[in-house]
Structures are given as structure tokens and as C-alpha cells.
Amino acid sequence: MKKAVIGDPDPDFMTTSHCERLTLTVRMQNRRYTRLTNAHSKTIAYHRWALAMQVVFYNWCRVNSALKITPAQASGLAEYRFTFKDLLRLKMWGEVEAA
């Protein structure tokens, strides 16, 4: 039996393949999640920032090959494709906490 943990998804469209695809994408694009690599974070704060940057870039800058636009544009959150300079100007980055 399928059970929603967060939100109100339609049970007819709930599947583990979406989670598996997301996990694969994160592992392939962010080398901090693969085993045989030296790219690692010394602190959890840097690990979180690396993941945040990857997710923001994936949704706001990277054009989806099937959609021909970014996921943010497809969902109506953005009117244009963000550049990396646009991401650096966001106030959400602030200062990284020293651990």
C-alpha cells in the first residue's frame, strides 16, 4: 500500500523510479556522493552547500533535453534561463558558517 509522507501526491502516479532517478542524477553530477573519489567535504556545512549549488543549477540553469527549457521555467517559477552569474547574485548564499 502506498502512503504519502509529505504533500498530497496522487497515489496513481507514485513510484520509486522517480526517487531512484533523482538519486542517480545527484550521484553522477555531484562527486561527493560516489565512493571512489577524493572529492569530499571536511564539514557537513560544505557538503550541504555543494548539494544546494548542484540542485539550484540543475533546476534553474540547466536546460532539460526533453523540455528544451529549465525545470524552473517549465513549472512557471522563472521567465528565463538563469546564468551562473545570476546564481552568484542571489542573496540566499550569504556567508558560509565556519565549523
PDB file of N, CA and C in Angstrom:
ATOM      1  N   MET A   1       0.842  -1.182   0.000  1.00  0.00           N
ATOM      2  CA  MET A   1       0.000   0.000   0.000  1.00  0.00           C
ATOM      3  C   MET A   1       0.879   1.236   0.000  1.00  0.00           C
ATOM      4  N   LYS A   2       0.577   2.172  -0.877  1.00  0.00           N
ATOM      5  CA  LYS A   2       1.338   3.406  -0.978  1.00  0.00           C
ATOM      6  C   LYS A   2       0.842   4.414   0.042  1.00  0.00           C
ATOM      7  N   LYS A   3       1.791   5.141   0.645  1.00  0.00           N
ATOM      8  CA  LYS A   3       1.446   6.127   1.662  1.00  0.00           C
ATOM      9  C   LYS A   3       2.246   7.398   1.415  1.00  0.00           C
ATOM     10  N   ALA A   4       1.579   8.540   1.346  1.00  0.00           N
ATOM     11  CA  ALA A   4       2.258   9.819   1.167  1.00  0.00           C
ATOM     12  C   ALA A   4       2.896  10.233   2.487  1.00  0.00           C
ATOM     13  N   VAL A   5       4.161  10.625   2.436  1.00  0.00           N
ATOM     14  CA  VAL A   5       4.862  11.079   3.625  1.00  0.00           C
ATOM     15  C   VAL A   5       4.802  12.601   3.708  1.00  0.00           C
ATOM     16  N   ILE A   6       4.970  13.264   2.566  1.00  0.00           N
ATOM     17  CA  ILE A   6       4.943  14.726   2.509  1.00  0.00           C
ATOM     18  C   ILE A   6       4.044  15.148   1.356  1.00  0.00           C
ATOM     19  N   GLY A   7       3.244  16.169   1.550  1.00  0.00           N
ATOM     20  CA  GLY A   7       2.416  16.703   0.489  1.00  0.00           C
ATOM     21  C   GLY A   7       1.160  15.886   0.258  1.00  0.00           C
ATOM     22  N   ASP A   8       0.576  16.089  -0.926  1.00  0.00           N
ATOM     23  CA  ASP A   8      -0.668  15.420  -1.283  1.00  0.00           C
ATOM     24  C   ASP A   8      -0.561  14.858  -2.704  1.00  0.00           C
ATOM     25  N   PRO A   9       0.346  13.885  -2.928  1.00  0.00           N
ATOM     26  CA  PRO A   9       0.509  13.350  -4.279  1.00  0.00           C
ATOM     27  C   PRO A   9      -0.628  12.412  -4.664  1.00  0.00           C
ATOM     28  N   ASP A  10      -0.820  12.256  -5.956  1.00  0.00           N
ATOM     29  CA  ASP A  10      -1.820  11.323  -6.464  1.00  0.00           C
ATOM     30  C   ASP A  10      -1.237   9.909  -6.393  1.00  0.00           C
ATOM     31  N   PRO A  11      -1.840   8.999  -5.637  1.00  0.00           N
ATOM     32  CA  PRO A  11      -1.297   7.640  -5.484  1.00  0.00           C
ATOM     33  C   PRO A  11      -1.146   6.882  -6.800  1.00  0.00           C
ATOM     34  N   ASP A  12      -1.927   7.248  -7.821  1.00  0.00           N
ATOM     35  CA  ASP A  12      -1.814   6.573  -9.112  1.00  0.00           C
ATOM     36  C   ASP A  12      -0.481   6.869  -9.811  1.00  0.00           C
ATOM     37  N   PHE A  13       0.145   7.982  -9.442  1.00  0.00           N
ATOM     38  CA  PHE A  13       1.398   8.382 -10.079  1.00  0.00           C
ATOM     39  C   PHE A  13       2.599   8.231  -9.160  1.00  0.00           C
ATOM     40  N   MET A  14       2.423   7.666  -7.995  1.00  0.00           N
ATOM     41  CA  MET A  14       3.531   7.473  -7.050  1.00  0.00           C
ATOM     42  C   MET A  14       4.339   6.245  -7.460  1.00  0.00           C
ATOM     43  N   THR A  15       5.658   6.420  -7.586  1.00  0.00           N
ATOM     44  CA  THR A  15       6.532   5.325  -7.975  1.00  0.00           C
ATOM     45  C   THR A  15       7.932   5.555  -7.431  1.00  0.00           C
ATOM     46  N   THR A  16       8.651   4.484  -7.191  1.00  0.00           N
ATOM     47  CA  THR A  16      10.017   4.625  -6.677  1.00  0.00           C
ATOM     48  C   THR A  16      10.990   5.021  -7.771  1.00  0.00           C
ATOM     49  N   SER A  17      10.605   4.884  -9.032  1.00  0.00           N
ATOM     50  CA  SER A  17      11.538   5.206 -10.116  1.00  0.00           C
ATOM     51  C   SER A  17      11.922   6.685 -10.113  1.00  0.00           C
ATOM     52  N   HIS A  18      11.022   7.564  -9.662  1.00  0.00           N
ATOM     53  CA  HIS A  18      11.361   8.986  -9.582  1.00  0.00           C
ATOM     54  C   HIS A  18      12.459   9.219  -8.547  1.00  0.00           C
ATOM     55  N   CYS A  19      12.339   8.585  -7.395  1.00  0.00           N
ATOM     56  CA  CYS A  19      13.361   8.716  -6.347  1.00  0.00           C
ATOM     57  C   CYS A  19      14.684   8.121  -6.800  1.00  0.00           C
ATOM     58  N   GLU A  20      14.622   6.977  -7.454  1.00  0.00           N
ATOM     59  CA  GLU A  20      15.844   6.337  -7.935  1.00  0.00           C
ATOM     60  C   GLU A  20      16.534   7.189  -8.985  1.00  0.00           C
ATOM     61  N   ARG A  21      15.766   7.816  -9.879  1.00  0.00           N
ATOM     62  CA  ARG A  21      16.333   8.674 -10.911  1.00  0.00           C
ATOM     63  C   ARG A  21      16.982   9.906 -10.275  1.00  0.00           C
ATOM     64  N   LEU A  22      16.334  10.496  -9.278  1.00  0.00           N
ATOM     65  CA  LEU A  22      16.893  11.647  -8.577  1.00  0.00           C
ATOM     66  C   LEU A  22      18.197  11.278  -7.887  1.00  0.00           C
ATOM     67  N   THR A  23      18.224  10.134  -7.229  1.00  0.00           N
ATOM     68  CA  THR A  23      19.436   9.683  -6.550  1.00  0.00           C
ATOM     69  C   THR A  23      20.570   9.475  -7.545  1.00  0.00           C
ATOM     70  N   LEU A  24      20.278   8.862  -8.681  1.00  0.00           N
ATOM     71  CA  LEU A  24      21.301   8.646  -9.701  1.00  0.00           C
ATOM     72  C   LEU A  24      21.825   9.971 -10.241  1.00  0.00           C
ATOM     73  N   THR A  25      20.937  10.903 -10.498  1.00  0.00           N
ATOM     74  CA  THR A  25      21.346  12.215 -11.005  1.00  0.00           C
ATOM     75  C   THR A  25      22.262  12.924 -10.008  1.00  0.00           C
ATOM     76  N   VAL A  26      21.901  12.920  -8.745  1.00  0.00           N
ATOM     77  CA  VAL A  26      22.728  13.562  -7.715  1.00  0.00           C
ATOM     78  C   VAL A  26      24.099  12.886  -7.646  1.00  0.00           C
ATOM     79  N   ARG A  27      24.123  11.560  -7.660  1.00  0.00           N
ATOM     80  CA  ARG A  27      25.400  10.840  -7.579  1.00  0.00           C
ATOM     81  C   ARG A  27      26.283  11.112  -8.783  1.00  0.00           C
ATOM     82  N   MET A  28      25.708  11.212  -9.954  1.00  0.00           N
ATOM     83  CA  MET A  28      26.503  11.413 -11.167  1.00  0.00           C
ATOM     84  C   MET A  28      26.975  12.858 -11.320  1.00  0.00           C
ATOM     85  N   GLN A  29      26.189  13.811 -10.858  1.00  0.00           N
ATOM     86  CA  GLN A  29      26.557  15.216 -11.023  1.00  0.00           C
ATOM     87  C   GLN A  29      27.350  15.763  -9.853  1.00  0.00           C
ATOM     88  N   ASN A  30      27.240  15.158  -8.699  1.00  0.00           N
ATOM     89  CA  ASN A  30      27.929  15.638  -7.506  1.00  0.00           C
ATOM     90  C   ASN A  30      28.818  14.511  -7.009  1.00  0.00           C
ATOM     91  N   ARG A  31      30.079  14.590  -7.286  1.00  0.00           N
ATOM     92  CA  ARG A  31      31.012  13.514  -6.991  1.00  0.00           C
ATOM     93  C   ARG A  31      31.193  13.261  -5.499  1.00  0.00           C
ATOM     94  N   ARG A  32      30.633  14.070  -4.663  1.00  0.00           N
ATOM     95  CA  ARG A  32      30.720  13.846  -3.217  1.00  0.00           C
ATOM     96  C   ARG A  32      29.869  12.657  -2.791  1.00  0.00           C
ATOM     97  N   TYR A  33      28.998  12.195  -3.681  1.00  0.00           N
ATOM     98  CA  TYR A  33      28.115  11.083  -3.364  1.00  0.00           C
ATOM     99  C   TYR A  33      28.567   9.757  -3.965  1.00  0.00           C
ATOM    100  N   THR A  34      29.705   9.746  -4.628  1.00  0.00           N
ATOM    101  CA  THR A  34      30.211   8.483  -5.162  1.00  0.00           C
ATOM    102  C   THR A  34      31.307   7.973  -4.240  1.00  0.00           C
ATOM    103  N   ARG A  35      31.565   6.699  -4.284  1.00  0.00           N
ATOM    104  CA  ARG A  35      32.511   6.111  -3.334  1.00  0.00           C
ATOM    105  C   ARG A  35      33.968   6.347  -3.691  1.00  0.00           C
ATOM    106  N   LEU A  36      34.371   6.006  -4.883  1.00  0.00           N
ATOM    107  CA  LEU A  36      35.777   6.020  -5.252  1.00  0.00           C
ATOM    108  C   LEU A  36      36.218   7.384  -5.763  1.00  0.00           C
ATOM    109  N   THR A  37      36.252   8.361  -4.879  1.00  0.00           N
ATOM    110  CA  THR A  37      36.664   9.709  -5.265  1.00  0.00           C
ATOM    111  C   THR A  37      37.304  10.418  -4.080  1.00  0.00           C
ATOM    112  N   ASN A  38      38.099  11.412  -4.379  1.00  0.00           N
ATOM    113  CA  ASN A  38      38.719  12.222  -3.328  1.00  0.00           C
ATOM    114  C   ASN A  38      37.930  13.499  -3.072  1.00  0.00           C
ATOM    115  N   ALA A  39      36.877  13.733  -3.833  1.00  0.00           N
ATOM    116  CA  ALA A  39      36.059  14.932  -3.655  1.00  0.00           C
ATOM    117  C   ALA A  39      35.134  14.717  -2.459  1.00  0.00           C
ATOM    118  N   HIS A  40      35.540  15.223  -1.337  1.00  0.00           N
ATOM    119  CA  HIS A  40      34.724  15.073  -0.134  1.00  0.00           C
ATOM    120  C   HIS A  40      34.735  16.377   0.648  1.00  0.00           C
ATOM    121  N   SER A  41      33.809  16.520   1.555  1.00  0.00           N
ATOM    122  CA  SER A  41      33.715  17.714   2.385  1.00  0.00           C
ATOM    123  C   SER A  41      34.239  17.402   3.774  1.00  0.00           C
ATOM    124  N   LYS A  42      35.001  18.327   4.321  1.00  0.00           N
ATOM    125  CA  LYS A  42      35.501  18.131   5.684  1.00  0.00           C
ATOM    126  C   LYS A  42      34.432  18.449   6.717  1.00  0.00           C
ATOM    127  N   THR A  43      33.491  19.284   6.352  1.00  0.00           N
ATOM    128  CA  THR A  43      32.413  19.628   7.286  1.00  0.00           C
ATOM    129  C   THR A  43      31.065  19.421   6.616  1.00  0.00           C
ATOM    130  N   ILE A  44      30.056  19.198   7.411  1.00  0.00           N
ATOM    131  CA  ILE A  44      28.707  18.998   6.873  1.00  0.00           C
ATOM    132  C   ILE A  44      28.185  20.272   6.220  1.00  0.00           C
ATOM    133  N   ALA A  45      28.618  21.440   6.691  1.00  0.00           N
ATOM    134  CA  ALA A  45      28.165  22.702   6.095  1.00  0.00           C
ATOM    135  C   ALA A  45      28.602  22.799   4.636  1.00  0.00           C
ATOM    136  N   TYR A  46      29.853  22.426   4.345  1.00  0.00           N
ATOM    137  CA  TYR A  46      30.338  22.474   2.962  1.00  0.00           C
ATOM    138  C   TYR A  46      29.639  21.417   2.108  1.00  0.00           C
ATOM    139  N   HIS A  47      29.339  20.295   2.694  1.00  0.00           N
ATOM    140  CA  HIS A  47      28.612  19.240   1.985  1.00  0.00           C
ATOM    141  C   HIS A  47      27.214  19.735   1.601  1.00  0.00           C
ATOM    142  N   ARG A  48      26.552  20.392   2.520  1.00  0.00           N
ATOM    143  CA  ARG A  48      25.216  20.935   2.238  1.00  0.00           C
ATOM    144  C   ARG A  48      25.260  22.000   1.158  1.00  0.00           C
ATOM    145  N   TRP A  49      26.282  22.873   1.203  1.00  0.00           N
ATOM    146  CA  TRP A  49      26.408  23.916   0.181  1.00  0.00           C
ATOM    147  C   TRP A  49      26.658  23.311  -1.192  1.00  0.00           C
ATOM    148  N   ALA A  50      27.474  22.267  -1.260  1.00  0.00           N
ATOM    149  CA  ALA A  50      27.741  21.614  -2.546  1.00  0.00           C
ATOM    150  C   ALA A  50      26.453  21.026  -3.119  1.00  0.00           C
ATOM    151  N   LEU A  51      25.663  20.393  -2.275  1.00  0.00           N
ATOM    152  CA  LEU A  51      24.391  19.830  -2.737  1.00  0.00           C
ATOM    153  C   LEU A  51      23.429  20.940  -3.153  1.00  0.00           C
ATOM    154  N   ALA A  52      23.363  22.012  -2.382  1.00  0.00           N
ATOM    155  CA  ALA A  52      22.472  23.128  -2.710  1.00  0.00           C
ATOM    156  C   ALA A  52      22.835  23.743  -4.060  1.00  0.00           C
ATOM    157  N   MET A  53      24.119  23.933  -4.304  1.00  0.00           N
ATOM    158  CA  MET A  53      24.542  24.514  -5.582  1.00  0.00           C
ATOM    159  C   MET A  53      24.192  23.601  -6.750  1.00  0.00           C
ATOM    160  N   GLN A  54      24.361  22.302  -6.556  1.00  0.00           N
ATOM    161  CA  GLN A  54      24.046  21.353  -7.618  1.00  0.00           C
ATOM    162  C   GLN A  54      22.551  21.357  -7.924  1.00  0.00           C
ATOM    163  N   VAL A  55      21.716  21.359  -6.899  1.00  0.00           N
ATOM    164  CA  VAL A  55      20.266  21.338  -7.091  1.00  0.00           C
ATOM    165  C   VAL A  55      19.785  22.636  -7.730  1.00  0.00           C
ATOM    166  N   VAL A  56      20.295  23.770  -7.286  1.00  0.00           N
ATOM    167  CA  VAL A  56      19.887  25.058  -7.870  1.00  0.00           C
ATOM    168  C   VAL A  56      20.308  25.134  -9.331  1.00  0.00           C
ATOM    169  N   PHE A  57      21.537  24.727  -9.632  1.00  0.00           N
ATOM    170  CA  PHE A  57      21.995  24.751 -11.024  1.00  0.00           C
ATOM    171  C   PHE A  57      21.141  23.834 -11.890  1.00  0.00           C
ATOM    172  N   TYR A  58      20.849  22.644 -11.392  1.00  0.00           N
ATOM    173  CA  TYR A  58      20.065  21.656 -12.149  1.00  0.00           C
ATOM    174  C   TYR A  58      18.671  22.188 -12.483  1.00  0.00           C
ATOM    175  N   ASN A  59      18.043  22.891 -11.559  1.00  0.00           N
ATOM    176  CA  ASN A  59      16.669  23.344 -11.758  1.00  0.00           C
ATOM    177  C   ASN A  59      16.538  24.713 -12.420  1.00  0.00           C
ATOM    178  N   TRP A  60      17.534  25.577 -12.279  1.00  0.00           N
ATOM    179  CA  TRP A  60      17.392  26.947 -12.761  1.00  0.00           C
ATOM    180  C   TRP A  60      18.288  27.292 -13.949  1.00  0.00           C
ATOM    181  N   CYS A  61      19.390  26.565 -14.160  1.00  0.00           N
ATOM    182  CA  CYS A  61      20.331  26.903 -15.232  1.00  0.00           C
ATOM    183  C   CYS A  61      20.382  25.864 -16.355  1.00  0.00           C
ATOM    184  N   ARG A  62      20.322  24.598 -15.995  1.00  0.00           N
ATOM    185  CA  ARG A  62      20.499  23.519 -16.950  1.00  0.00           C
ATOM    186  C   ARG A  62      19.215  23.291 -17.753  1.00  0.00           C
ATOM    187  N   VAL A  63      19.353  23.296 -19.073  1.00  0.00           N
ATOM    188  CA  VAL A  63      18.208  23.066 -19.944  1.00  0.00           C
ATOM    189  C   VAL A  63      17.921  21.572 -20.001  1.00  0.00           C
ATOM    190  N   ASN A  64      16.682  21.195 -19.759  1.00  0.00           N
ATOM    191  CA  ASN A  64      16.253  19.812 -19.838  1.00  0.00           C
ATOM    192  C   ASN A  64      16.097  19.451 -21.307  1.00  0.00           C
ATOM    193  N   SER A  65      16.721  18.340 -21.713  1.00  0.00           N
ATOM    194  CA  SER A  65      16.710  17.982 -23.134  1.00  0.00           C
ATOM    195  C   SER A  65      15.310  17.663 -23.652  1.00  0.00           C
ATOM    196  N   ALA A  66      14.441  17.133 -22.820  1.00  0.00           N
ATOM    197  CA  ALA A  66      13.080  16.817 -23.267  1.00  0.00           C
ATOM    198  C   ALA A  66      12.201  18.065 -23.311  1.00  0.00           C
ATOM    199  N   LEU A  67      12.385  18.955 -22.349  1.00  0.00           N
ATOM    200  CA  LEU A  67      11.545  20.153 -22.257  1.00  0.00           C
ATOM    201  C   LEU A  67      12.050  21.305 -23.113  1.00  0.00           C
ATOM    202  N   LYS A  68      13.353  21.328 -23.384  1.00  0.00           N
ATOM    203  CA  LYS A  68      14.032  22.417 -24.113  1.00  0.00           C
ATOM    204  C   LYS A  68      14.073  23.718 -23.318  1.00  0.00           C
ATOM    205  N   ILE A  69      13.695  23.664 -22.053  1.00  0.00           N
ATOM    206  CA  ILE A  69      13.802  24.790 -21.127  1.00  0.00           C
ATOM    207  C   ILE A  69      14.214  24.219 -19.764  1.00  0.00           C
ATOM    208  N   THR A  70      14.469  25.094 -18.809  1.00  0.00           N
ATOM    209  CA  THR A  70      14.849  24.617 -17.480  1.00  0.00           C
ATOM    210  C   THR A  70      13.604  24.142 -16.727  1.00  0.00           C
ATOM    211  N   PRO A  71      13.774  23.282 -15.723  1.00  0.00           N
ATOM    212  CA  PRO A  71      12.627  22.872 -14.921  1.00  0.00           C
ATOM    213  C   PRO A  71      11.919  24.049 -14.236  1.00  0.00           C
ATOM    214  N   ALA A  72      12.672  25.068 -13.836  1.00  0.00           N
ATOM    215  CA  ALA A  72      12.066  26.243 -13.204  1.00  0.00           C
ATOM    216  C   ALA A  72      11.168  26.986 -14.190  1.00  0.00           C
ATOM    217  N   GLN A  73      11.588  27.070 -15.443  1.00  0.00           N
ATOM    218  CA  GLN A  73      10.755  27.705 -16.462  1.00  0.00           C
ATOM    219  C   GLN A  73       9.515  26.863 -16.739  1.00  0.00           C
ATOM    220  N   ALA A  74       9.690  25.558 -16.804  1.00  0.00           N
ATOM    221  CA  ALA A  74       8.569  24.666 -17.101  1.00  0.00           C
ATOM    222  C   ALA A  74       7.502  24.730 -16.023  1.00  0.00           C
ATOM    223  N   SER A  75       7.920  24.936 -14.777  1.00  0.00           N
ATOM    224  CA  SER A  75       6.950  24.999 -13.684  1.00  0.00           C
ATOM    225  C   SER A  75       6.407  26.407 -13.461  1.00  0.00           C
ATOM    226  N   GLY A  76       6.877  27.386 -14.225  1.00  0.00           N
ATOM    227  CA  GLY A  76       6.388  28.751 -14.107  1.00  0.00           C
ATOM    228  C   GLY A  76       7.072  29.574 -13.032  1.00  0.00           C
ATOM    229  N   LEU A  77       8.179  29.085 -12.480  1.00  0.00           N
ATOM    230  CA  LEU A  77       8.901  29.814 -11.441  1.00  0.00           C
ATOM    231  C   LEU A  77       9.864  30.847 -12.006  1.00  0.00           C
ATOM    232  N   ALA A  78      10.255  30.700 -13.264  1.00  0.00           N
ATOM    233  CA  ALA A  78      11.202  31.622 -13.887  1.00  0.00           C
ATOM    234  C   ALA A  78      10.738  31.946 -15.295  1.00  0.00           C
ATOM    235  N   GLU A  79      11.051  33.166 -15.742  1.00  0.00           N
ATOM    236  CA  GLU A  79      10.688  33.573 -17.094  1.00  0.00           C
ATOM    237  C   GLU A  79      11.830  33.354 -18.078  1.00  0.00           C
ATOM    238  N   TYR A  80      13.047  33.166 -17.549  1.00  0.00           N
ATOM    239  CA  TYR A  80      14.213  32.978 -18.404  1.00  0.00           C
ATOM    240  C   TYR A  80      15.177  31.988 -17.739  1.00  0.00           C
ATOM    241  N   ARG A  81      16.127  31.517 -18.534  1.00  0.00           N
ATOM    242  CA  ARG A  81      17.142  30.591 -18.031  1.00  0.00           C
ATOM    243  C   ARG A  81      18.186  31.387 -17.262  1.00  0.00           C
ATOM    244  N   PHE A  82      18.424  31.011 -16.011  1.00  0.00           N
ATOM    245  CA  PHE A  82      19.417  31.691 -15.199  1.00  0.00           C
ATOM    246  C   PHE A  82      20.812  31.351 -15.690  1.00  0.00           C
ATOM    247  N   THR A  83      21.717  32.311 -15.578  1.00  0.00           N
ATOM    248  CA  THR A  83      23.126  32.053 -15.856  1.00  0.00           C
ATOM    249  C   THR A  83      23.822  31.817 -14.528  1.00  0.00           C
ATOM    250  N   PHE A  84      25.062  31.377 -14.586  1.00  0.00           N
ATOM    251  CA  PHE A  84      25.808  31.161 -13.350  1.00  0.00           C
ATOM    252  C   PHE A  84      26.006  32.482 -12.608  1.00  0.00           C
ATOM    253  N   LYS A  85      26.158  33.572 -13.345  1.00  0.00           N
ATOM    254  CA  LYS A  85      26.282  34.898 -12.712  1.00  0.00           C
ATOM    255  C   LYS A  85      25.011  35.250 -11.942  1.00  0.00           C
ATOM    256  N   ASP A  86      23.868  34.912 -12.496  1.00  0.00           N
ATOM    257  CA  ASP A  86      22.595  35.151 -11.799  1.00  0.00           C
ATOM    258  C   ASP A  86      22.562  34.407 -10.472  1.00  0.00           C
ATOM    259  N   LEU A  87      23.034  33.167 -10.468  1.00  0.00           N
ATOM    260  CA  LEU A  87      23.044  32.373  -9.234  1.00  0.00           C
ATOM    261  C   LEU A  87      23.955  32.984  -8.180  1.00  0.00           C
ATOM    262  N   LEU A  88      25.089  33.501  -8.606  1.00  0.00           N
ATOM    263  CA  LEU A  88      26.031  34.092  -7.653  1.00  0.00           C
ATOM    264  C   LEU A  88      25.488  35.370  -7.031  1.00  0.00           C
ATOM    265  N   ARG A  89      24.567  36.030  -7.706  1.00  0.00           N
ATOM    266  CA  ARG A  89      23.982  37.271  -7.188  1.00  0.00           C
ATOM    267  C   ARG A  89      22.842  37.031  -6.199  1.00  0.00           C
ATOM    268  N   LEU A  90      22.361  35.800  -6.073  1.00  0.00           N
ATOM    269  CA  LEU A  90      21.258  35.517  -5.154  1.00  0.00           C
ATOM    270  C   LEU A  90      21.659  35.782  -3.714  1.00  0.00           C
ATOM    271  N   LYS A  91      20.758  36.352  -2.954  1.00  0.00           N
ATOM    272  CA  LYS A  91      21.039  36.659  -1.548  1.00  0.00           C
ATOM    273  C   LYS A  91      21.024  35.425  -0.663  1.00  0.00           C
ATOM    274  N   MET A  92      20.478  34.328  -1.173  1.00  0.00           N
ATOM    275  CA  MET A  92      20.370  33.113  -0.352  1.00  0.00           C
ATOM    276  C   MET A  92      21.719  32.530   0.025  1.00  0.00           C
ATOM    277  N   TRP A  93      22.787  32.838  -0.726  1.00  0.00           N
ATOM    278  CA  TRP A  93      24.084  32.223  -0.443  1.00  0.00           C
ATOM    279  C   TRP A  93      24.692  32.773   0.834  1.00  0.00           C
ATOM    280  N   GLY A  94      24.636  34.069   1.035  1.00  0.00           N
ATOM    281  CA  GLY A  94      25.165  34.648   2.275  1.00  0.00           C
ATOM    282  C   GLY A  94      26.592  34.206   2.562  1.00  0.00           C
ATOM    283  N   GLU A  95      26.900  34.066   3.813  1.00  0.00           N
ATOM    284  CA  GLU A  95      28.221  33.622   4.248  1.00  0.00           C
ATOM    285  C   GLU A  95      28.154  32.192   4.725  1.00  0.00           C
ATOM    286  N   VAL A  96      29.166  31.410   4.420  1.00  0.00           N
ATOM    287  CA  VAL A  96      29.237  30.030   4.885  1.00  0.00           C
ATOM    288  C   VAL A  96      29.718  30.039   6.331  1.00  0.00           C
ATOM    289  N   GLU A  97      29.019  29.290   7.192  1.00  0.00           N
ATOM    290  CA  GLU A  97      29.409  29.212   8.589  1.00  0.00           C
ATOM    291  C   GLU A  97      30.735  28.483   8.740  1.00  0.00           C
ATOM    292  N   ALA A  98      31.599  29.006   9.559  1.00  0.00           N
ATOM    293  CA  ALA A  98      32.847  28.319   9.858  1.00  0.00           C
ATOM    294  C   ALA A  98      32.567  27.258  10.911  1.00  0.00           C
ATOM    295  N   ALA A  99      33.022  26.069  10.640  1.00  0.00           N
ATOM    296  CA  ALA A  99      32.743  24.966  11.576  1.00  0.00           C
ATOM    297  C   ALA A  99      33.880  24.757  12.546  1.00  0.00           C
TER     298      ALA A  99
END
